[in-house]
Protein backbone atom coordinates (compact mmCIF):
# COMPACT_ATOMS: atom_id res chain seq x y z
CA MET A 1 -88.08 38.94 16.84
CA LYS A 2 -85.97 41.97 16.09
CA THR A 3 -88.67 44.24 17.01
CA ARG A 4 -88.80 42.52 20.59
CA LEU A 5 -84.77 42.85 20.85
CA ALA A 6 -85.11 46.47 19.71
CA THR A 7 -87.75 46.92 22.30
CA ALA A 8 -86.37 45.29 25.06
CA THR A 9 -83.18 46.63 24.83
CA ILE A 10 -84.69 50.37 24.96
CA LEU A 11 -86.09 49.26 28.00
CA ALA A 12 -83.02 47.80 29.41
CA PHE A 13 -81.66 51.07 28.97
CA ALA A 14 -84.26 53.39 30.12
CA LEU A 15 -84.01 51.07 33.59
CA VAL A 16 -80.85 51.84 34.30
CA PRO A 17 -80.92 54.50 36.42
CA ALA A 18 -78.88 57.60 35.55
CA ALA A 19 -75.26 58.21 36.11
CA THR A 20 -75.09 60.16 39.59
CA ALA A 21 -74.39 63.90 39.30
CA ALA A 22 -70.40 64.89 39.85
CA ALA A 23 -69.54 66.52 42.60
CA PRO A 24 -68.91 70.40 41.83
CA THR A 25 -65.10 71.65 41.13
CA PRO A 26 -63.91 72.73 44.41
CA ALA A 27 -63.77 76.39 44.70
CA ARG A 28 -60.38 78.20 44.64
CA LEU A 29 -58.63 80.78 46.53
CA GLN A 30 -54.91 82.31 46.12
CA VAL A 31 -53.40 84.32 48.94
CA SER A 32 -50.28 85.56 48.37
CA GLY A 33 -48.10 86.76 51.06
CA ASP A 34 -44.85 88.99 51.46
CA GLU A 35 -43.30 91.55 53.67
CA PHE A 36 -46.11 92.17 55.31
CA SER A 37 -49.49 91.49 53.73
CA LEU A 38 -52.01 89.24 52.58
CA ALA A 39 -53.12 89.64 49.00
CA LEU A 40 -56.38 87.21 48.46
CA SER A 41 -57.64 86.41 44.42
CA ARG A 42 -60.85 86.88 46.07
CA ALA A 43 -63.08 87.99 48.88
CA LEU A 44 -65.82 85.64 48.43
CA ILE A 45 -65.86 81.66 48.08
CA ARG A 46 -69.00 79.28 47.85
CA LYS A 47 -69.56 76.65 50.77
CA GLY A 48 -68.18 73.06 50.83
CA GLN A 49 -64.90 71.72 48.74
CA ALA A 50 -62.25 74.18 48.39
CA ILE A 51 -58.16 74.66 47.89
CA ILE A 52 -56.23 77.65 49.45
CA GLU A 53 -53.14 78.35 47.86
CA LEU A 54 -50.12 80.45 49.61
CA VAL A 55 -48.00 81.62 47.34
CA ASN A 56 -44.73 83.40 49.06
CA TYR A 57 -43.79 86.26 47.01
CA GLY A 58 -41.98 87.80 49.90
CA GLU A 59 -38.27 87.33 51.71
CA ASP A 60 -39.38 85.60 54.79
CA ASP A 61 -40.86 82.46 55.32
CA HIS A 62 -44.93 82.36 56.06
CA ASP A 63 -47.49 80.25 56.85
CA LEU A 64 -51.29 80.22 56.61
CA ALA A 65 -53.72 80.20 59.26
CA LEU A 66 -57.67 79.91 58.58
CA ARG A 67 -60.56 80.23 61.72
CA ARG A 68 -64.11 80.43 61.34
CA ILE A 69 -65.40 83.91 63.64
CA GLY A 70 -66.56 82.35 65.99
CA GLY A 71 -65.52 78.78 65.27
CA ALA A 72 -62.81 76.29 66.98
CA ARG A 73 -61.43 74.80 64.11
CA THR A 74 -58.02 76.61 62.83
CA TYR A 75 -57.00 75.22 59.02
CA ARG A 76 -53.25 75.71 58.45
CA VAL A 77 -50.62 75.87 55.61
CA GLY A 78 -47.22 74.59 56.64
CA VAL A 79 -44.83 76.86 56.20
CA VAL A 80 -43.80 78.33 52.41
CA GLU A 81 -40.36 79.69 51.80
CA PRO A 82 -39.67 82.51 49.25
CA GLY A 83 -40.81 81.81 46.03
CA GLN A 84 -42.58 78.71 46.92
CA THR A 85 -46.34 77.64 47.08
CA GLY A 86 -48.36 75.85 49.63
CA SER A 87 -52.22 74.63 49.87
CA LEU A 88 -54.82 73.31 51.74
CA ALA A 89 -57.64 71.24 50.89
CA ALA A 90 -60.72 70.97 53.08
CA ARG A 91 -64.30 71.77 53.45
CA PHE A 92 -65.83 74.85 54.79
CA ARG A 93 -69.18 75.83 56.21
CA PRO A 94 -70.91 78.55 55.46
CA GLY A 95 -69.11 81.87 57.64
CA ARG A 96 -66.32 85.06 58.03
CA PHE A 97 -63.02 83.78 57.92
CA THR A 98 -59.77 85.22 59.42
CA LEU A 99 -56.43 84.42 58.02
CA TRP A 100 -53.01 85.09 58.97
CA CYS A 101 -49.52 84.69 59.29
CA THR A 102 -48.89 82.51 62.58
CA LEU A 103 -44.90 83.40 62.14
CA ALA A 104 -43.45 85.42 64.53
CA ASP A 105 -45.16 88.68 64.69
CA HIS A 106 -46.22 89.01 61.14
CA ARG A 107 -49.60 89.09 62.26
CA THR A 108 -49.20 92.08 63.84
CA ARG A 109 -47.48 93.81 61.29
CA GLY A 110 -50.43 92.90 58.95
CA MET A 111 -50.19 90.30 57.74
CA ARG A 112 -53.98 89.23 58.25
CA ALA A 113 -57.49 88.75 55.64
CA THR A 114 -60.98 88.19 56.22
CA LEU A 115 -62.56 85.69 53.80
CA THR A 116 -66.60 85.18 53.09
CA VAL A 117 -67.87 81.61 52.61
CA ARG A 118 -71.09 81.58 51.67
């Protein structure tokens, strides 16, 4: 009787489907902004879910816009005050992305960068 119970228990566990694979950890990118530049913590992230963080080391407010070159969708981190941090979580397709500050003339003064997503 014990043998049958042990065999039944083993078979029951063998028939239970394996747990689904956990979702991959999101890629992370930190963008440092000041007057008047953007610096990326890395130039390349993997496709899929990502967390983009804007840290404002400057004396002026800054924000961040990201758009895939040739794409129409613009991702945004809202206005971040000096000494503060803002973030965005989104799913990114492969390609090259332009990043820039949309406030005043900050983009033309040098607050722009390029990110590659693979």
